[in-house]
């Protein structure tokens, strides 16, 4: 449950960064960020499925959900790399690039924490501890 809390905290941090710092995102970058958000939303669905399957003691379903979380995290990493390349090739002022990059880091931290949680869930299944 601690890992679930860490995941929730990373989501809150990303939202706080965006809202409190009033990140101004140009349309072309906004589109890419929305793609990352879409994948991240799917990861949350898989986290919910993994936890539910874990508590119903369905190892196969749990591990399938864990695998989907891992694939989603990999997709977010790829999208992040593409966006960083695009952003730093753009004519945006460096300060604005760095501000957006700070938000991107916070946003991508969510999928990293979801992967940490999925690793822990997989370990629980492997140990037969649940």
C-alpha atoms as a PDB file:
ATOM      1  CA  UNK A   1       0.000   0.000   0.000  1.00  0.00           C
ATOM      2  CA  UNK A   2       2.956   2.304   0.579  1.00  0.00           C
ATOM      3  CA  UNK A   3       3.811   2.095  -3.129  1.00  0.00           C
ATOM      4  CA  UNK A   4       0.236   3.057  -4.021  1.00  0.00           C
ATOM      5  CA  UNK A   5       0.608   6.147  -1.834  1.00  0.00           C
ATOM      6  CA  UNK A   6       3.889   7.034  -3.548  1.00  0.00           C
ATOM      7  CA  UNK A   7       2.149   6.724  -6.925  1.00  0.00           C
ATOM      8  CA  UNK A   8      -0.663   8.997  -5.774  1.00  0.00           C
ATOM      9  CA  UNK A   9       1.847  11.518  -4.433  1.00  0.00           C
ATOM     10  CA  UNK A  10       3.674  11.654  -7.766  1.00  0.00           C
ATOM     11  CA  UNK A  11       0.380  12.378  -9.515  1.00  0.00           C
ATOM     12  CA  UNK A  12      -0.360  15.161  -7.075  1.00  0.00           C
ATOM     13  CA  UNK A  13       3.126  16.632  -7.552  1.00  0.00           C
ATOM     14  CA  UNK A  14       2.700  16.746 -11.330  1.00  0.00           C
ATOM     15  CA  UNK A  15      -0.631  18.513 -11.021  1.00  0.00           C
ATOM     16  CA  UNK A  16       0.736  20.948  -8.434  1.00  0.00           C
ATOM     17  CA  UNK A  17       3.676  21.806 -10.703  1.00  0.00           C
ATOM     18  CA  UNK A  18       1.412  22.466 -13.675  1.00  0.00           C
ATOM     19  CA  UNK A  19      -1.161  24.544 -11.818  1.00  0.00           C
ATOM     20  CA  UNK A  20       0.935  26.395  -9.266  1.00  0.00           C
ATOM     21  CA  UNK A  21       3.720  27.309 -11.678  1.00  0.00           C
ATOM     22  CA  UNK A  22       1.289  28.117 -14.502  1.00  0.00           C
ATOM     23  CA  UNK A  23       3.258  26.229 -17.117  1.00  0.00           C
ATOM     24  CA  UNK A  24       2.611  27.793 -20.520  1.00  0.00           C
ATOM     25  CA  UNK A  25       2.726  24.983 -23.066  1.00  0.00           C
ATOM     26  CA  UNK A  26       2.633  25.699 -26.824  1.00  0.00           C
ATOM     27  CA  UNK A  27       0.127  23.730 -28.888  1.00  0.00           C
ATOM     28  CA  UNK A  28       2.628  21.385 -30.566  1.00  0.00           C
ATOM     29  CA  UNK A  29       4.102  20.410 -27.206  1.00  0.00           C
ATOM     30  CA  UNK A  30       0.668  20.281 -25.580  1.00  0.00           C
ATOM     31  CA  UNK A  31      -0.372  17.621 -28.101  1.00  0.00           C
ATOM     32  CA  UNK A  32       2.622  15.466 -27.150  1.00  0.00           C
ATOM     33  CA  UNK A  33       1.944  15.960 -23.436  1.00  0.00           C
ATOM     34  CA  UNK A  34      -1.649  14.863 -23.963  1.00  0.00           C
ATOM     35  CA  UNK A  35      -0.324  11.671 -25.563  1.00  0.00           C
ATOM     36  CA  UNK A  36       1.756  10.997 -22.459  1.00  0.00           C
ATOM     37  CA  UNK A  37      -1.248  11.738 -20.254  1.00  0.00           C
ATOM     38  CA  UNK A  38      -3.371   9.312 -22.269  1.00  0.00           C
ATOM     39  CA  UNK A  39      -0.851   6.494 -21.816  1.00  0.00           C
ATOM     40  CA  UNK A  40      -0.525   7.370 -18.126  1.00  0.00           C
ATOM     41  CA  UNK A  41      -4.287   7.164 -17.688  1.00  0.00           C
ATOM     42  CA  UNK A  42      -4.169   3.661 -19.164  1.00  0.00           C
ATOM     43  CA  UNK A  43      -1.398   2.763 -16.731  1.00  0.00           C
ATOM     44  CA  UNK A  44      -3.669   3.739 -13.853  1.00  0.00           C
ATOM     45  CA  UNK A  45      -6.322   1.387 -15.231  1.00  0.00           C
ATOM     46  CA  UNK A  46      -3.748  -1.415 -15.281  1.00  0.00           C
ATOM     47  CA  UNK A  47      -2.611  -0.597 -11.736  1.00  0.00           C
ATOM     48  CA  UNK A  48      -6.198  -0.873 -10.580  1.00  0.00           C
ATOM     49  CA  UNK A  49      -6.556  -4.199 -12.398  1.00  0.00           C
ATOM     50  CA  UNK A  50      -3.310  -5.541 -10.912  1.00  0.00           C
ATOM     51  CA  UNK A  51      -4.300  -4.648  -7.367  1.00  0.00           C
ATOM     52  CA  UNK A  52      -7.774  -6.046  -7.807  1.00  0.00           C
ATOM     53  CA  UNK A  53      -6.422  -9.298  -9.254  1.00  0.00           C
ATOM     54  CA  UNK A  54      -3.848  -9.503  -6.467  1.00  0.00           C
ATOM     55  CA  UNK A  55      -6.548  -9.311  -3.816  1.00  0.00           C
ATOM     56  CA  UNK A  56      -8.658 -11.922  -5.601  1.00  0.00           C
ATOM     57  CA  UNK A  57      -5.552 -14.118  -5.715  1.00  0.00           C
ATOM     58  CA  UNK A  58      -5.517 -14.389  -9.478  1.00  0.00           C
ATOM     59  CA  UNK A  59      -1.805 -14.648 -10.240  1.00  0.00           C
ATOM     60  CA  UNK A  60      -2.262 -14.864 -13.996  1.00  0.00           C
ATOM     61  CA  UNK A  61      -4.449 -11.748 -14.190  1.00  0.00           C
ATOM     62  CA  UNK A  62      -2.143  -9.911 -11.806  1.00  0.00           C
ATOM     63  CA  UNK A  63       0.926 -10.638 -13.893  1.00  0.00           C
ATOM     64  CA  UNK A  64      -0.874  -9.699 -17.117  1.00  0.00           C
ATOM     65  CA  UNK A  65      -1.747  -6.322 -15.610  1.00  0.00           C
ATOM     66  CA  UNK A  66       1.844  -5.920 -14.379  1.00  0.00           C
ATOM     67  CA  UNK A  67       3.094  -6.554 -17.904  1.00  0.00           C
ATOM     68  CA  UNK A  68       0.706  -3.908 -19.288  1.00  0.00           C
ATOM     69  CA  UNK A  69       1.978  -1.408 -16.694  1.00  0.00           C
ATOM     70  CA  UNK A  70       5.565  -2.095 -17.753  1.00  0.00           C
ATOM     71  CA  UNK A  71       4.702  -1.673 -21.443  1.00  0.00           C
ATOM     72  CA  UNK A  72       2.904   1.581 -20.674  1.00  0.00           C
ATOM     73  CA  UNK A  73       5.895   2.895 -18.746  1.00  0.00           C
ATOM     74  CA  UNK A  74       8.144   2.052 -21.693  1.00  0.00           C
ATOM     75  CA  UNK A  75       5.771   3.889 -24.031  1.00  0.00           C
ATOM     76  CA  UNK A  76       5.866   6.955 -21.784  1.00  0.00           C
ATOM     77  CA  UNK A  77       9.679   6.857 -21.794  1.00  0.00           C
ATOM     78  CA  UNK A  78       9.729   6.773 -25.601  1.00  0.00           C
ATOM     79  CA  UNK A  79       7.235   9.635 -25.861  1.00  0.00           C
ATOM     80  CA  UNK A  80       9.238  11.628 -23.335  1.00  0.00           C
ATOM     81  CA  UNK A  81      12.475  11.230 -25.316  1.00  0.00           C
ATOM     82  CA  UNK A  82      10.743  12.274 -28.545  1.00  0.00           C
ATOM     83  CA  UNK A  83       9.216  15.324 -26.887  1.00  0.00           C
ATOM     84  CA  UNK A  84      12.511  16.434 -25.338  1.00  0.00           C
ATOM     85  CA  UNK A  85      14.254  16.185 -28.727  1.00  0.00           C
ATOM     86  CA  UNK A  86      11.451  18.136 -30.397  1.00  0.00           C
ATOM     87  CA  UNK A  87      11.311  20.768 -27.698  1.00  0.00           C
ATOM     88  CA  UNK A  88      15.051  21.466 -27.675  1.00  0.00           C
ATOM     89  CA  UNK A  89      15.106  21.782 -31.463  1.00  0.00           C
ATOM     90  CA  UNK A  90      12.352  24.403 -31.256  1.00  0.00           C
ATOM     91  CA  UNK A  91      12.844  28.152 -31.108  1.00  0.00           C
ATOM     92  CA  UNK A  92      11.349  28.462 -27.626  1.00  0.00           C
ATOM     93  CA  UNK A  93      13.465  30.436 -25.165  1.00  0.00           C
ATOM     94  CA  UNK A  94      15.627  28.193 -22.980  1.00  0.00           C
ATOM     95  CA  UNK A  95      13.880  29.284 -19.787  1.00  0.00           C
ATOM     96  CA  UNK A  96      10.520  28.225 -21.211  1.00  0.00           C
ATOM     97  CA  UNK A  97      11.955  24.892 -22.393  1.00  0.00           C
ATOM     98  CA  UNK A  98      13.316  24.217 -18.922  1.00  0.00           C
ATOM     99  CA  UNK A  99      10.017  25.158 -17.302  1.00  0.00           C
ATOM    100  CA  UNK A 100       8.133  22.722 -19.523  1.00  0.00           C
ATOM    101  CA  UNK A 101      10.849  20.113 -18.987  1.00  0.00           C
ATOM    102  CA  UNK A 102      10.303  20.403 -15.220  1.00  0.00           C
ATOM    103  CA  UNK A 103       6.645  19.572 -15.710  1.00  0.00           C
ATOM    104  CA  UNK A 104       7.492  16.753 -18.116  1.00  0.00           C
ATOM    105  CA  UNK A 105       9.808  15.250 -15.506  1.00  0.00           C
ATOM    106  CA  UNK A 106       7.035  15.383 -12.903  1.00  0.00           C
ATOM    107  CA  UNK A 107       4.538  13.884 -15.339  1.00  0.00           C
ATOM    108  CA  UNK A 108       6.804  11.008 -16.369  1.00  0.00           C
ATOM    109  CA  UNK A 109       7.621  10.276 -12.738  1.00  0.00           C
ATOM    110  CA  UNK A 110       4.068   8.947 -12.448  1.00  0.00           C
ATOM    111  CA  UNK A 111       4.698   6.059 -14.828  1.00  0.00           C
ATOM    112  CA  UNK A 112       8.036   5.357 -13.147  1.00  0.00           C
ATOM    113  CA  UNK A 113       6.311   5.047  -9.758  1.00  0.00           C
ATOM    114  CA  UNK A 114       3.635   2.832 -11.329  1.00  0.00           C
ATOM    115  CA  UNK A 115       6.384   0.563 -12.625  1.00  0.00           C
ATOM    116  CA  UNK A 116       7.928   0.427  -9.138  1.00  0.00           C
ATOM    117  CA  UNK A 117       4.537  -0.609  -7.795  1.00  0.00           C
ATOM    118  CA  UNK A 118       4.111  -3.236 -10.496  1.00  0.00           C
ATOM    119  CA  UNK A 119       7.549  -4.651  -9.684  1.00  0.00           C
ATOM    120  CA  UNK A 120       6.508  -4.964  -6.048  1.00  0.00           C
ATOM    121  CA  UNK A 121       3.239  -6.640  -7.031  1.00  0.00           C
ATOM    122  CA  UNK A 122       5.092  -9.111  -9.241  1.00  0.00           C
ATOM    123  CA  UNK A 123       7.419  -9.899  -6.356  1.00  0.00           C
ATOM    124  CA  UNK A 124       4.451 -10.575  -4.072  1.00  0.00           C
ATOM    125  CA  UNK A 125       3.033 -12.990  -6.651  1.00  0.00           C
ATOM    126  CA  UNK A 126       6.409 -14.685  -7.154  1.00  0.00           C
ATOM    127  CA  UNK A 127       6.871 -15.174  -3.415  1.00  0.00           C
ATOM    128  CA  UNK A 128       3.351 -16.524  -3.111  1.00  0.00           C
ATOM    129  CA  UNK A 129       2.991 -14.175  -0.158  1.00  0.00           C
ATOM    130  CA  UNK A 130      -0.574 -13.264  -0.939  1.00  0.00           C
END
